[in-house]
Amino acid sequence: MRLCMFHPNDNPLDRGWVGRIEDDRMLHLAAQTLQSFFLVGGGSRVHAEYPLADVTLLVPVQYPPTVRLFDDSGAFRFANATAVVGPNVPASGTGLSARARVAVVIGAGGEIGGTTAMVEWYDPAEQFDVKRSDFGIVLGPIVVTPDETSGAAFACRLSAGTRAVEGAPAAFSWAEALALAGHRTTLRPGDVIAGPPVVVLDEVGGDAELEVDGIGTLPCALGDSGRAMGTHG
């Protein structure tokens, strides 16, 4: 299944509704959040139907319980969960680096609920090291369940203006990542775990876009204020 959070264009909502994309249709599912959809086993009934062109896609998990970003060594660091936003919510400034990642959203029982796209904005000019990627993590908008991603390579194409870089994730064990992330703690529905950066674009001066094979397209916007703007739309 291809899942998301959305709102109809004529009825803007902050958190939105859970939806399932089928061809050019958005099926509104009877679940409050993606987490609750996973907890009931994905059996939520269809509540309504909209043309896909008539809806806006939002961040799939608003304020995740935790966000873990893995590196090439297999270690991870925690990221700022309040910095997670959806497509086209602008991050500040120019000359930023965009780091493309493949991420998973935890579902029921600490297992992978679905796979999605992520762009981590990084500001090399930020004076405080710990704040250089603390302001803009763009997630989604589509989360694809494991039954549709088995064996997928998740090749990535990250573009900004006339520049683009392409690549496929290096060997990475999601099973080991989940085991480490869950060691001596509990993984909760909505937790986000991201694999190492796949491709990076430096000195991005305008909007960027990440395409992940098997997942979809994640548009990322840049604004001109001093911090990430908007809410979680």
Protein backbone atom coordinates (compact mmCIF):
# COMPACT_ATOMS: atom_id res chain seq x y z
CA MET A 1 0.00 0.00 0.00
CA ARG A 2 0.99 3.59 -0.66
CA LEU A 3 0.00 5.55 2.44
CA CYS A 4 0.13 9.21 3.37
CA MET A 5 -1.45 12.01 5.35
CA PHE A 6 -3.42 14.54 3.31
CA HIS A 7 -6.09 17.17 3.28
CA PRO A 8 -8.49 18.22 0.52
CA ASN A 9 -7.35 21.42 -1.16
CA ASP A 10 -10.61 23.14 -0.18
CA ASN A 11 -10.37 22.04 3.45
CA PRO A 12 -6.86 22.70 4.82
CA LEU A 13 -6.01 20.76 7.97
CA ASP A 14 -2.83 20.83 10.04
CA ARG A 15 -2.53 17.11 10.77
CA GLY A 16 -4.70 15.89 7.92
CA TRP A 17 -6.27 12.51 7.32
CA VAL A 18 -4.83 9.08 6.59
CA GLY A 19 -5.02 8.20 2.92
CA ARG A 20 -4.24 5.35 0.56
CA ILE A 21 -3.21 6.23 -2.98
CA GLU A 22 -4.61 4.09 -5.77
CA ASP A 23 -3.84 5.28 -9.30
CA ASP A 24 -5.23 8.83 -9.51
CA ARG A 25 -7.46 8.48 -6.44
CA MET A 26 -6.97 9.26 -2.77
CA LEU A 27 -8.92 6.96 -0.48
CA HIS A 28 -9.63 8.52 2.92
CA LEU A 29 -9.16 5.80 5.55
CA ALA A 30 -10.94 5.72 8.89
CA ALA A 31 -7.86 6.18 11.09
CA GLN A 32 -6.70 9.28 12.98
CA THR A 33 -2.99 8.91 12.25
CA LEU A 34 -0.65 6.62 10.37
CA GLN A 35 0.40 5.18 13.73
CA SER A 36 -3.15 4.20 14.60
CA PHE A 37 -3.58 2.69 11.13
CA PHE A 38 -0.59 0.43 11.76
CA LEU A 39 -1.81 -0.51 15.24
CA VAL A 40 -5.13 -1.85 13.94
CA GLY A 41 -3.36 -3.99 11.38
CA GLY A 42 -4.03 -1.84 8.33
CA GLY A 43 -7.67 -2.80 8.16
CA SER A 44 -9.26 0.65 8.33
CA ARG A 45 -12.30 1.04 6.12
CA VAL A 46 -12.48 3.58 3.30
CA HIS A 47 -14.34 6.65 4.52
CA ALA A 48 -14.36 8.78 1.35
CA GLU A 49 -12.66 9.18 -2.02
CA TYR A 50 -11.04 12.19 -3.72
CA PRO A 51 -9.27 12.81 -7.02
CA LEU A 52 -5.54 12.83 -6.27
CA ALA A 53 -5.24 16.19 -8.02
CA ASP A 54 -7.64 17.72 -5.47
CA VAL A 55 -5.60 16.96 -2.33
CA THR A 56 -2.39 18.17 -0.66
CA LEU A 57 0.06 15.66 0.79
CA LEU A 58 1.44 16.33 4.28
CA VAL A 59 4.15 15.00 6.54
CA PRO A 60 3.29 11.32 7.19
CA VAL A 61 4.18 11.45 10.90
CA GLN A 62 3.64 14.71 12.73
CA TYR A 63 6.09 15.04 15.63
CA PRO A 64 7.55 11.50 15.59
CA PRO A 65 8.29 10.06 19.05
CA THR A 66 11.96 9.72 18.05
CA VAL A 67 14.11 10.17 14.96
CA ARG A 68 17.35 8.21 14.52
CA LEU A 69 19.81 8.95 11.70
CA PHE A 70 22.26 6.16 10.91
CA ASP A 71 25.70 6.66 9.37
CA ASP A 72 27.86 4.39 7.24
CA SER A 73 29.45 2.80 10.30
CA GLY A 74 26.12 1.45 11.57
CA ALA A 75 25.95 3.93 14.45
CA PHE A 76 23.15 6.46 14.84
CA ARG A 77 22.43 9.83 16.37
CA PHE A 78 19.13 11.24 17.51
CA ALA A 79 17.67 14.10 15.48
CA ASN A 80 15.25 16.84 16.46
CA ALA A 81 11.78 15.34 16.05
CA THR A 82 10.19 18.81 15.99
CA ALA A 83 12.29 19.63 12.91
CA VAL A 84 10.48 16.97 10.86
CA VAL A 85 8.27 18.58 8.22
CA GLY A 86 6.45 17.54 5.09
CA PRO A 87 6.95 18.40 1.43
CA ASN A 88 7.33 22.03 0.41
CA VAL A 89 7.64 23.39 3.95
CA PRO A 90 10.54 25.84 3.46
CA ALA A 91 13.81 25.60 5.33
CA SER A 92 15.89 28.73 5.75
CA GLY A 93 18.77 30.15 3.86
CA THR A 94 21.00 29.50 0.90
CA GLY A 95 24.15 27.47 0.43
CA LEU A 96 22.72 24.53 2.35
CA SER A 97 23.60 20.90 1.78
CA ALA A 98 20.81 18.43 1.06
CA ARG A 99 21.38 14.87 2.25
CA ALA A 100 19.09 12.28 0.70
CA ARG A 101 18.19 9.28 2.86
CA VAL A 102 15.80 6.34 2.79
CA ALA A 103 13.86 6.05 6.04
CA VAL A 104 11.38 3.72 7.67
CA VAL A 105 8.42 4.45 9.91
CA ILE A 106 7.91 1.98 12.75
CA GLY A 107 4.54 0.27 12.84
CA ALA A 108 3.05 -2.22 15.29
CA GLY A 109 5.28 -4.47 17.38
CA GLY A 110 8.48 -2.56 16.63
CA GLU A 111 8.45 -3.73 13.01
CA ILE A 112 8.74 -1.62 9.89
CA GLY A 113 5.38 -0.14 8.99
CA GLY A 114 6.58 1.42 5.76
CA THR A 115 9.45 3.01 3.88
CA THR A 116 9.67 6.65 2.84
CA ALA A 117 12.00 9.38 1.55
CA MET A 118 13.94 11.89 3.64
CA VAL A 119 16.03 14.98 2.95
CA GLU A 120 18.14 16.30 5.81
CA TRP A 121 19.10 19.93 5.34
CA TYR A 122 22.57 20.81 6.64
CA ASP A 123 23.95 24.32 7.14
CA PRO A 124 27.79 24.38 7.13
CA ALA A 125 27.75 28.08 8.06
CA GLU A 126 25.89 27.53 11.35
CA GLN A 127 28.22 28.57 14.19
CA PHE A 128 27.01 25.81 16.54
CA ASP A 129 27.98 22.34 15.33
CA VAL A 130 25.02 20.66 17.02
CA LYS A 131 22.58 22.96 15.20
CA ARG A 132 23.86 22.44 11.67
CA SER A 133 21.19 19.87 10.85
CA ASP A 134 18.75 20.61 13.65
CA PHE A 135 16.28 22.74 11.69
CA GLY A 136 14.92 20.92 8.67
CA ILE A 137 14.23 17.22 8.11
CA VAL A 138 11.82 16.75 5.21
CA LEU A 139 9.93 13.45 5.31
CA GLY A 140 7.53 11.65 3.02
CA PRO A 141 5.11 12.29 1.68
CA ILE A 142 4.40 8.67 0.70
CA VAL A 143 5.01 5.67 2.98
CA VAL A 144 5.07 2.33 1.17
CA THR A 145 4.29 -0.83 3.13
CA PRO A 146 6.73 -3.75 3.13
CA ASP A 147 4.60 -5.93 0.86
CA GLU A 148 5.36 -3.51 -1.99
CA THR A 149 9.04 -2.82 -1.25
CA SER A 150 10.48 -6.33 -0.94
CA GLY A 151 13.73 -6.41 -2.89
CA ALA A 152 13.51 -2.74 -3.91
CA ALA A 153 16.84 -1.02 -4.54
CA PHE A 154 15.57 2.48 -3.57
CA ALA A 155 17.79 4.25 -6.08
CA CYS A 156 17.79 8.00 -5.40
CA ARG A 157 17.96 11.05 -7.64
CA LEU A 158 18.45 14.37 -5.84
CA SER A 159 18.15 17.50 -7.95
CA ALA A 160 18.31 21.26 -7.42
CA GLY A 161 18.05 23.56 -10.40
CA THR A 162 20.19 22.19 -13.21
CA ARG A 163 22.24 19.96 -10.92
CA ALA A 164 21.42 16.37 -10.01
CA VAL A 165 23.14 13.43 -8.36
CA GLU A 166 22.06 9.81 -8.46
CA GLY A 167 22.93 6.75 -6.44
CA ALA A 168 21.67 3.64 -4.73
CA PRO A 169 21.97 2.87 -1.01
CA ALA A 170 25.02 0.91 0.00
CA ALA A 171 24.53 -2.40 1.76
CA PHE A 172 22.59 -1.67 4.94
CA SER A 173 20.88 -4.10 7.27
CA TRP A 174 17.55 -2.74 8.44
CA ALA A 175 17.21 -5.74 10.75
CA GLU A 176 20.46 -4.82 12.51
CA ALA A 177 19.49 -1.15 12.59
CA LEU A 178 16.16 -1.95 14.25
CA ALA A 179 17.84 -4.29 16.71
CA LEU A 180 20.33 -1.60 17.73
CA ALA A 181 17.70 1.14 17.88
CA GLY A 182 15.45 -1.06 20.02
CA HIS A 183 18.21 -2.32 22.35
CA ARG A 184 17.20 -1.69 25.97
CA THR A 185 14.27 0.45 24.89
CA THR A 186 10.99 0.21 22.99
CA LEU A 187 10.38 1.23 19.41
CA ARG A 188 7.00 2.90 19.17
CA PRO A 189 4.65 3.35 16.22
CA GLY A 190 5.68 6.52 14.39
CA ASP A 191 9.36 6.33 15.31
CA VAL A 192 11.48 7.23 12.29
CA ILE A 193 14.74 5.46 11.47
CA ALA A 194 16.81 6.70 8.53
CA GLY A 195 19.60 4.92 6.74
CA PRO A 196 22.91 6.61 5.85
CA PRO A 197 22.93 9.42 3.27
CA VAL A 198 22.68 8.01 -0.24
CA VAL A 199 23.56 11.14 -2.21
CA VAL A 200 24.40 14.72 -1.21
CA LEU A 201 24.12 18.07 -2.98
CA ASP A 202 26.15 20.96 -1.56
CA GLU A 203 25.58 24.69 -2.00
CA VAL A 204 21.88 24.38 -2.75
CA GLY A 205 20.55 27.84 -3.47
CA GLY A 206 16.96 26.98 -4.29
CA ASP A 207 14.35 24.27 -4.04
CA ALA A 208 15.39 20.62 -4.25
CA GLU A 209 13.60 17.41 -5.15
CA LEU A 210 14.29 13.82 -4.18
CA GLU A 211 13.01 10.91 -6.25
CA VAL A 212 13.27 7.42 -4.74
CA ASP A 213 12.50 4.44 -6.93
CA GLY A 214 9.56 2.50 -5.55
CA ILE A 215 8.61 5.31 -3.16
CA GLY A 216 7.95 8.53 -5.04
CA THR A 217 8.96 12.18 -5.15
CA LEU A 218 9.67 14.47 -2.19
CA PRO A 219 9.75 18.22 -3.01
CA CYS A 220 11.87 20.34 -0.65
CA ALA A 221 11.60 24.12 -0.50
CA LEU A 222 13.98 26.83 0.67
CA GLY A 223 12.82 30.09 2.20
CA ASP A 224 14.62 33.21 3.38
CA SER A 225 13.88 33.35 7.11
CA GLY A 226 16.24 32.30 9.87
CA ARG A 227 14.64 28.96 10.57
CA ALA A 228 12.36 26.30 9.15
CA MET A 229 8.98 27.83 8.47
CA GLY A 230 5.41 26.65 8.54
CA THR A 231 4.07 23.74 10.53
CA HIS A 232 3.99 20.14 9.47
CA GLY A 233 2.19 20.47 6.17
